[in-house]
Each structure stands twice: as structure tokens, then as C-alpha cells.
Amino acid sequence: MRPVKGGFEAENSRHALGVGFTSQGVEVRTGTARWGMALQGYGYGDALLTVTEIAPEAIANRVEYRRGALTEWYANAPEGLEQGFTLTEAPGKSDGQLLT
């Protein structure tokens, strides 16, 4: 993981991936192909909490976007790029709806 203007860059040579992390989201590159993603919201069913842009933080091979009770994280490892989400509290009441 290396800092660059506006965020961080990572390489995963085993899988021929380059990854950029900025406050606008994540971009994965391989050859000439590019794939971008950005979290828009989370919650239950259609009752989603919106998220705002936030600067990423890097710790060793892991990048985190800390948004209060939600942490969106990425780990760059020999197995590939892993994405995960950690919630420290429920985003409201589920009313039988799935977490989205």
C-alpha cells in the first residue's frame, strides 16, 4: 500500500491487479480493463442510510473507509483483493427485511 495524492494505491502482482482507493470509491485495474465501485448506502430493504464521501485510511495491507457504525474495508493479500463490511450496531429496525 502506498499513499498517493487523494488516497492510496496497491498492486497485487500475483493476480495482475492494480487498485486505487480515493474518497470517491475504489478502482480495480487489470490490463486495459477498469472497474469502479462506491458504496451508496446501507440498511434494510428500501430504508437505506446514505453515505458521504470520506477519505480512506490505510493500515499495512488494509484500507478502511470508517463511517460511524459502518466500516467498509479492503485487504490486499496473495489470495486476491478481499472486500468486507463491519457494523458495530444495526442500521435501524429490520422489520423482517434483509440487510442491504
Protein backbone atom coordinates (compact mmCIF):
# COMPACT_ATOMS: atom_id res chain seq x y z
CA MET A 1 0.00 0.00 0.00
CA ARG A 2 1.42 3.38 -0.90
CA PRO A 3 -0.01 6.84 -0.37
CA VAL A 4 -0.78 8.91 -3.47
CA LYS A 5 -2.48 12.25 -3.90
CA GLY A 6 -6.07 11.84 -2.75
CA GLY A 7 -5.74 8.29 -1.37
CA PHE A 8 -3.78 5.07 -1.77
CA GLU A 9 -2.60 2.67 -4.47
CA ALA A 10 -1.97 -1.06 -4.19
CA GLU A 11 -0.63 -3.70 -6.55
CA ASN A 12 -1.36 -7.41 -6.49
CA SER A 13 1.15 -8.85 -8.94
CA ARG A 14 0.00 -12.44 -8.33
CA HIS A 15 -3.38 -11.56 -9.86
CA ALA A 16 -2.16 -8.74 -12.15
CA LEU A 17 -4.32 -6.18 -10.31
CA GLY A 18 -3.83 -2.53 -9.55
CA VAL A 19 -6.19 -0.86 -7.09
CA GLY A 20 -6.84 2.79 -6.34
CA PHE A 21 -8.62 3.99 -3.20
CA THR A 22 -9.96 7.57 -3.04
CA SER A 23 -12.80 9.35 -1.29
CA GLN A 24 -14.88 8.80 -4.47
CA GLY A 25 -14.51 4.99 -4.26
CA VAL A 26 -12.36 2.10 -5.42
CA GLU A 27 -11.00 1.37 -8.89
CA VAL A 28 -9.63 -2.06 -9.79
CA ARG A 29 -7.45 -2.36 -12.90
CA THR A 30 -6.11 -5.30 -14.87
CA GLY A 31 -4.51 -4.74 -18.26
CA THR A 32 -6.70 -2.17 -20.03
CA ALA A 33 -9.85 -3.11 -18.09
CA ARG A 34 -11.06 -0.89 -15.23
CA TRP A 35 -13.85 -1.50 -12.73
CA GLY A 36 -15.03 1.10 -10.23
CA MET A 37 -17.31 0.88 -7.24
CA ALA A 38 -18.53 3.19 -4.50
CA LEU A 39 -20.81 2.50 -1.56
CA GLN A 40 -24.09 4.42 -1.90
CA GLY A 41 -25.96 3.33 1.23
CA TYR A 42 -26.85 0.52 3.62
CA GLY A 43 -29.78 -0.58 5.72
CA TYR A 44 -32.79 -2.86 5.50
CA GLY A 45 -34.87 -3.30 2.34
CA ASP A 46 -35.51 0.13 0.80
CA ALA A 47 -34.79 2.01 4.06
CA LEU A 48 -31.14 2.80 3.30
CA LEU A 49 -28.88 5.19 5.14
CA THR A 50 -26.91 7.26 2.65
CA VAL A 51 -23.17 7.63 3.00
CA THR A 52 -20.96 10.58 2.20
CA GLU A 53 -17.52 10.59 0.64
CA ILE A 54 -14.77 10.01 3.17
CA ALA A 55 -11.01 9.73 2.85
CA PRO A 56 -9.67 6.19 3.11
CA GLU A 57 -7.24 5.15 5.83
CA ALA A 58 -4.50 2.57 5.29
CA ILE A 59 -3.09 0.12 7.83
CA ALA A 60 -0.50 -2.32 6.41
CA ASN A 61 -2.27 -4.24 3.58
CA ARG A 62 -5.75 -2.99 4.53
CA VAL A 63 -7.69 0.13 3.54
CA GLU A 64 -10.70 1.26 5.56
CA TYR A 65 -13.49 3.73 4.99
CA ARG A 66 -14.80 4.46 8.51
CA ARG A 67 -18.34 5.78 8.52
CA GLY A 68 -19.50 5.74 12.13
CA ALA A 69 -21.13 2.37 12.85
CA LEU A 70 -20.07 1.05 9.41
CA THR A 71 -16.53 0.28 8.29
CA GLU A 72 -16.03 -0.69 4.64
CA TRP A 73 -12.67 -2.43 4.27
CA TYR A 74 -10.40 -3.97 1.65
CA ALA A 75 -7.46 -6.32 2.28
CA ASN A 76 -4.83 -6.89 -0.40
CA ALA A 77 -3.40 -10.39 0.08
CA PRO A 78 -1.79 -13.15 -2.02
CA GLU A 79 -5.25 -14.72 -2.40
CA GLY A 80 -6.53 -11.52 -4.04
CA LEU A 81 -8.42 -8.40 -3.01
CA GLU A 82 -10.98 -9.03 -0.28
CA GLN A 83 -13.85 -6.64 0.48
CA GLY A 84 -15.80 -6.61 3.72
CA PHE A 85 -18.13 -4.56 5.87
CA THR A 86 -18.18 -4.37 9.66
CA LEU A 87 -21.20 -2.99 11.52
CA THR A 88 -20.91 -2.12 15.21
CA GLU A 89 -24.67 -1.56 15.53
CA ALA A 90 -27.79 -2.28 13.49
CA PRO A 91 -28.76 0.45 10.99
CA GLY A 92 -32.32 0.75 12.32
CA LYS A 93 -35.00 -1.92 12.61
CA SER A 94 -35.07 -4.76 10.11
CA ASP A 95 -38.86 -5.30 10.12
CA GLY A 96 -38.13 -8.67 8.51
CA GLN A 97 -36.11 -7.10 5.67
CA LEU A 98 -32.64 -8.26 4.64
CA LEU A 99 -29.57 -6.16 5.31
CA THR A 100 -28.62 -4.40 2.08
